[in-house]
């Protein structure tokens, strides 16, 4: 819900999926510019889904920024995300400011412009 509210105000298109297998499927269908990957998902967790995406990217010659999202800011969470192939890390609870900073970092400075335009 938080992601829907915050991202809905940016003007970016997004899709939220319920598990890691669906995240992998969405990656193949949507060719995203960035992925916010929940680490704790059913069927295939975010670390596993990131690994599968990175293997696909090796064949395709691409690299999409993946930001790991975790439920708790526990020691070692950031390192686990980075070791799994994620580019960045965002602990919950998600603040709009923190999420928008990640979007700007990985998508470029037009995020602020898009947010203020609406």
Protein backbone atom coordinates (compact mmCIF):
# COMPACT_ATOMS: atom_id res chain seq x y z
CA UNK A 1 0.00 0.00 0.00
CA UNK A 2 2.78 2.43 0.89
CA UNK A 3 4.53 1.85 -2.41
CA UNK A 4 1.30 2.34 -4.36
CA UNK A 5 0.62 5.66 -2.63
CA UNK A 6 4.14 7.03 -3.06
CA UNK A 7 4.80 5.74 -6.57
CA UNK A 8 1.33 6.79 -7.71
CA UNK A 9 2.34 10.41 -7.18
CA UNK A 10 5.53 10.17 -9.26
CA UNK A 11 3.99 9.64 -12.68
CA UNK A 12 5.99 6.46 -13.20
CA UNK A 13 4.27 3.27 -14.26
CA UNK A 14 4.77 0.37 -11.89
CA UNK A 15 3.54 -3.11 -11.16
CA UNK A 16 3.44 -4.72 -7.74
CA UNK A 17 3.66 -8.52 -7.58
CA UNK A 18 3.12 -10.90 -4.68
CA UNK A 19 6.08 -13.27 -4.88
CA UNK A 20 9.53 -13.77 -6.33
CA UNK A 21 8.38 -15.94 -9.25
CA UNK A 22 5.98 -13.23 -10.33
CA UNK A 23 8.79 -10.67 -9.97
CA UNK A 24 10.91 -12.75 -12.34
CA UNK A 25 8.00 -13.01 -14.79
CA UNK A 26 7.37 -9.24 -14.57
CA UNK A 27 11.05 -8.58 -15.28
CA UNK A 28 10.76 -10.59 -18.50
CA UNK A 29 7.52 -8.93 -19.59
CA UNK A 30 8.09 -5.32 -18.59
CA UNK A 31 11.77 -4.56 -19.17
CA UNK A 32 11.79 -2.26 -16.09
CA UNK A 33 14.16 0.64 -15.52
CA UNK A 34 14.38 -0.21 -11.82
CA UNK A 35 13.16 -2.93 -9.44
CA UNK A 36 12.16 -2.53 -5.81
CA UNK A 37 12.60 -6.11 -4.53
CA UNK A 38 11.08 -7.21 -1.24
CA UNK A 39 13.54 -9.63 0.33
CA UNK A 40 10.86 -11.64 2.17
CA UNK A 41 8.47 -12.98 -0.44
CA UNK A 42 6.82 -16.40 -0.74
CA UNK A 43 7.70 -19.08 -3.32
CA UNK A 44 11.00 -17.42 -4.25
CA UNK A 45 12.44 -14.78 -1.95
CA UNK A 46 13.87 -11.50 -3.19
CA UNK A 47 17.47 -12.67 -2.93
CA UNK A 48 16.71 -15.72 -5.09
CA UNK A 49 14.70 -13.65 -7.59
CA UNK A 50 17.55 -11.15 -7.84
CA UNK A 51 20.01 -13.96 -8.58
CA UNK A 52 17.72 -15.31 -11.32
CA UNK A 53 17.35 -11.83 -12.84
CA UNK A 54 21.12 -11.30 -12.78
CA UNK A 55 21.65 -14.62 -14.60
CA UNK A 56 19.14 -13.59 -17.28
CA UNK A 57 20.87 -10.23 -17.62
CA UNK A 58 24.21 -11.94 -18.27
CA UNK A 59 22.67 -13.52 -21.37
CA UNK A 60 20.94 -10.29 -22.40
CA UNK A 61 23.86 -7.94 -21.69
CA UNK A 62 21.72 -5.64 -19.51
CA UNK A 63 21.73 -4.48 -15.88
CA UNK A 64 18.66 -3.09 -14.13
CA UNK A 65 19.13 -1.44 -10.73
CA UNK A 66 17.55 -3.54 -8.00
CA UNK A 67 16.88 -2.03 -4.58
CA UNK A 68 16.32 -4.57 -1.82
CA UNK A 69 13.49 -3.79 0.59
CA UNK A 70 13.59 -5.45 4.02
CA UNK A 71 11.11 -5.57 6.87
CA UNK A 72 13.68 -4.81 9.52
CA UNK A 73 16.92 -2.89 9.53
CA UNK A 74 18.91 -5.77 10.98
CA UNK A 75 22.66 -5.92 10.99
CA UNK A 76 23.81 -7.65 7.83
CA UNK A 77 20.64 -7.02 5.78
CA UNK A 78 22.33 -4.47 3.54
CA UNK A 79 25.31 -6.76 2.97
CA UNK A 80 23.06 -9.74 2.12
CA UNK A 81 21.21 -7.62 -0.43
CA UNK A 82 24.42 -6.45 -2.07
CA UNK A 83 25.94 -9.95 -2.08
CA UNK A 84 22.81 -11.26 -3.82
CA UNK A 85 23.37 -8.79 -6.67
CA UNK A 86 21.19 -5.91 -5.56
CA UNK A 87 22.49 -2.40 -6.10
CA UNK A 88 21.03 -0.77 -3.02
CA UNK A 89 18.97 -1.35 0.12
CA UNK A 90 15.89 0.28 1.66
CA UNK A 91 14.66 -0.74 5.14
CA UNK A 92 11.01 -0.68 6.19
CA UNK A 93 9.07 1.22 7.33
CA UNK A 94 9.37 3.08 4.04
CA UNK A 95 9.34 6.83 4.20
CA UNK A 96 8.28 8.73 1.09
CA UNK A 97 11.49 10.77 1.25
CA UNK A 98 13.74 7.68 1.41
CA UNK A 99 11.92 6.00 -1.49
CA UNK A 100 12.04 9.13 -3.65
CA UNK A 101 15.77 9.47 -2.93
CA UNK A 102 16.31 5.90 -4.18
CA UNK A 103 14.26 6.61 -7.31
CA UNK A 104 16.29 9.73 -8.00
CA UNK A 105 19.57 7.95 -7.38
CA UNK A 106 18.82 5.09 -9.77
CA UNK A 107 16.49 6.70 -12.33
CA UNK A 108 17.84 10.24 -12.46
CA UNK A 109 16.87 13.66 -11.18
CA UNK A 110 13.61 13.90 -13.14
CA UNK A 111 11.83 12.04 -10.28
CA UNK A 112 11.50 15.29 -8.32
CA UNK A 113 10.20 17.07 -11.42
CA UNK A 114 7.59 14.37 -12.03
CA UNK A 115 6.47 14.45 -8.40
CA UNK A 116 6.07 18.24 -8.36
CA UNK A 117 4.24 18.31 -11.70
CA UNK A 118 1.16 16.54 -10.34
